[in-house]
């Protein structure tokens, strides 16, 4: 165990360029407070660039894809009050009223109702990570019960 701990410490000193005390045999290595920029500088790799995040979705175009294979392109109107979506799988197009609430930098709650299907769609779109969490709520005609279907997905902002 001491050999492995020493090897980890040597690796930390070599890769991160930080001095670390040899931990005692019973001690676990302590986490480093080295920043991403310090690691990148030491390893000669550029620091990761933060993803560009929108301040609003008005006038923006976003590609979304889901864990069940569904995918669409969302085009928000210039005033942000409507969204047109094109189903990538079947080419159908719909334009509906939308509610967009900015929760934090790059984080938006987007909700709309689809009259053609009876679905209420909600997305928590996270442009910081390029991911979204979604629910599709609808009345199941077979049971007469409302169903809330959770989905995970990815999103890509155009331009």
Protein backbone atom coordinates (compact mmCIF):
# COMPACT_ATOMS: atom_id res chain seq x y z
CA UNK A 1 0.00 0.00 0.00
CA UNK A 2 2.87 2.37 0.86
CA UNK A 3 4.39 1.80 -2.61
CA UNK A 4 1.09 2.71 -4.30
CA UNK A 5 0.70 5.80 -2.10
CA UNK A 6 4.27 6.85 -2.91
CA UNK A 7 3.63 6.31 -6.63
CA UNK A 8 0.50 8.46 -6.50
CA UNK A 9 2.38 11.19 -4.65
CA UNK A 10 5.22 11.06 -7.21
CA UNK A 11 2.72 11.26 -10.04
CA UNK A 12 1.04 14.27 -8.42
CA UNK A 13 4.40 16.01 -8.03
CA UNK A 14 5.44 15.23 -11.61
CA UNK A 15 2.14 16.00 -13.38
CA UNK A 16 0.78 18.81 -11.27
CA UNK A 17 4.11 20.35 -10.34
CA UNK A 18 3.12 20.68 -6.70
CA UNK A 19 5.06 19.54 -3.69
CA UNK A 20 3.25 17.03 -1.55
CA UNK A 21 4.31 15.58 1.75
CA UNK A 22 4.69 11.79 1.93
CA UNK A 23 1.54 10.59 3.68
CA UNK A 24 1.94 8.11 6.51
CA UNK A 25 1.00 4.53 5.71
CA UNK A 26 -2.44 4.87 7.33
CA UNK A 27 -3.21 8.28 5.79
CA UNK A 28 -5.05 8.68 2.51
CA UNK A 29 -3.63 11.15 -0.05
CA UNK A 30 -5.13 14.61 0.36
CA UNK A 31 -6.99 16.22 -2.56
CA UNK A 32 -5.09 18.87 -4.47
CA UNK A 33 -6.30 22.44 -4.78
CA UNK A 34 -4.59 22.78 -8.16
CA UNK A 35 -6.81 24.59 -10.68
CA UNK A 36 -7.58 23.44 -14.22
CA UNK A 37 -5.47 26.32 -15.53
CA UNK A 38 -2.49 25.23 -13.40
CA UNK A 39 -2.76 21.63 -14.63
CA UNK A 40 -3.05 22.78 -18.23
CA UNK A 41 -0.03 25.07 -17.83
CA UNK A 42 2.04 22.30 -16.26
CA UNK A 43 1.04 19.67 -18.83
CA UNK A 44 1.33 22.11 -21.76
CA UNK A 45 -2.34 21.61 -22.77
CA UNK A 46 -4.66 24.58 -23.18
CA UNK A 47 -7.25 25.10 -20.45
CA UNK A 48 -10.77 24.11 -21.52
CA UNK A 49 -12.73 27.03 -22.91
CA UNK A 50 -16.09 27.74 -21.31
CA UNK A 51 -19.03 26.98 -23.60
CA UNK A 52 -20.81 30.02 -24.99
CA UNK A 53 -24.19 30.39 -23.30
CA UNK A 54 -27.10 32.53 -24.47
CA UNK A 55 -28.59 35.31 -22.33
CA UNK A 56 -31.97 34.73 -24.02
CA UNK A 57 -33.53 32.18 -26.34
CA UNK A 58 -35.46 34.78 -28.35
CA UNK A 59 -34.50 34.45 -32.04
CA UNK A 60 -32.30 31.40 -31.37
CA UNK A 61 -32.26 27.96 -33.06
CA UNK A 62 -31.52 24.84 -31.01
CA UNK A 63 -31.14 21.16 -31.97
CA UNK A 64 -32.36 18.75 -29.28
CA UNK A 65 -32.15 14.97 -29.12
CA UNK A 66 -33.53 12.60 -26.52
CA UNK A 67 -32.74 9.26 -24.92
CA UNK A 68 -35.65 7.60 -26.78
CA UNK A 69 -34.41 8.62 -30.27
CA UNK A 70 -36.71 11.64 -30.68
CA UNK A 71 -34.99 14.73 -32.09
CA UNK A 72 -36.12 18.15 -33.22
CA UNK A 73 -34.96 21.61 -34.16
CA UNK A 74 -36.49 24.42 -32.11
CA UNK A 75 -36.68 27.93 -33.56
CA UNK A 76 -37.69 30.61 -31.06
CA UNK A 77 -39.45 33.71 -32.40
CA UNK A 78 -37.68 37.08 -32.18
CA UNK A 79 -39.91 38.10 -29.26
CA UNK A 80 -39.47 34.71 -27.54
CA UNK A 81 -43.22 34.06 -27.30
CA UNK A 82 -43.46 31.27 -29.87
CA UNK A 83 -41.43 28.23 -30.82
CA UNK A 84 -41.49 26.34 -34.09
CA UNK A 85 -40.27 22.79 -33.90
CA UNK A 86 -39.40 20.42 -36.69
CA UNK A 87 -39.44 16.73 -35.83
CA UNK A 88 -36.19 15.47 -37.35
CA UNK A 89 -37.55 11.91 -37.67
CA UNK A 90 -40.78 12.62 -39.61
CA UNK A 91 -40.36 16.23 -40.82
CA UNK A 92 -43.54 17.50 -39.17
CA UNK A 93 -43.56 21.20 -38.25
CA UNK A 94 -45.58 23.00 -35.57
CA UNK A 95 -45.55 26.52 -34.16
CA UNK A 96 -46.97 27.08 -30.68
CA UNK A 97 -46.93 29.56 -27.80
CA UNK A 98 -43.98 29.01 -25.45
CA UNK A 99 -42.97 30.07 -21.95
CA UNK A 100 -39.25 30.62 -21.42
CA UNK A 101 -37.99 31.35 -17.91
CA UNK A 102 -34.30 32.07 -17.35
CA UNK A 103 -33.31 30.43 -14.04
CA UNK A 104 -29.59 31.20 -14.05
CA UNK A 105 -26.82 31.89 -16.54
CA UNK A 106 -27.33 29.36 -19.36
CA UNK A 107 -30.24 27.61 -17.61
CA UNK A 108 -33.78 27.94 -19.02
CA UNK A 109 -37.14 26.33 -18.21
CA UNK A 110 -38.98 26.03 -21.54
CA UNK A 111 -42.62 24.86 -21.65
CA UNK A 112 -45.26 24.57 -24.37
CA UNK A 113 -48.50 22.77 -25.20
CA UNK A 114 -48.88 20.82 -28.44
CA UNK A 115 -52.57 20.94 -29.51
CA UNK A 116 -52.06 18.31 -32.24
CA UNK A 117 -50.85 15.66 -29.76
CA UNK A 118 -52.25 16.91 -26.45
CA UNK A 119 -48.76 16.88 -24.94
CA UNK A 120 -47.42 19.49 -22.56
CA UNK A 121 -43.64 19.58 -22.99
CA UNK A 122 -41.23 21.00 -20.43
CA UNK A 123 -37.46 21.25 -20.84
CA UNK A 124 -34.87 22.33 -18.35
CA UNK A 125 -32.25 23.37 -20.91
CA UNK A 126 -28.71 23.71 -19.57
CA UNK A 127 -26.44 25.47 -22.06
CA UNK A 128 -23.54 25.27 -19.60
CA UNK A 129 -23.43 21.50 -20.07
CA UNK A 130 -25.29 21.02 -23.38
CA UNK A 131 -27.88 18.82 -21.69
CA UNK A 132 -31.58 18.93 -20.95
CA UNK A 133 -34.07 17.22 -18.70
CA UNK A 134 -37.60 17.01 -20.02
CA UNK A 135 -41.09 15.83 -19.18
CA UNK A 136 -43.83 15.05 -21.67
CA UNK A 137 -47.24 15.09 -20.01
CA UNK A 138 -50.34 13.71 -21.74
CA UNK A 139 -53.66 11.95 -21.16
CA UNK A 140 -53.41 8.25 -21.92
CA UNK A 141 -56.59 7.43 -23.88
CA UNK A 142 -56.45 3.75 -22.87
CA UNK A 143 -56.47 4.41 -19.12
CA UNK A 144 -57.86 7.94 -18.85
CA UNK A 145 -54.89 8.78 -16.61
CA UNK A 146 -52.33 11.52 -17.06
CA UNK A 147 -48.83 10.27 -17.80
CA UNK A 148 -45.64 12.18 -17.06
CA UNK A 149 -42.80 10.79 -19.16
CA UNK A 150 -39.29 11.87 -18.08
CA UNK A 151 -36.53 12.12 -20.71
CA UNK A 152 -32.89 13.18 -20.82
CA UNK A 153 -31.17 14.65 -23.83
CA UNK A 154 -28.61 16.91 -25.38
CA UNK A 155 -28.90 20.28 -27.03
CA UNK A 156 -26.84 22.30 -29.46
CA UNK A 157 -27.28 26.01 -30.01
CA UNK A 158 -26.83 27.24 -33.60
CA UNK A 159 -24.48 30.15 -34.21
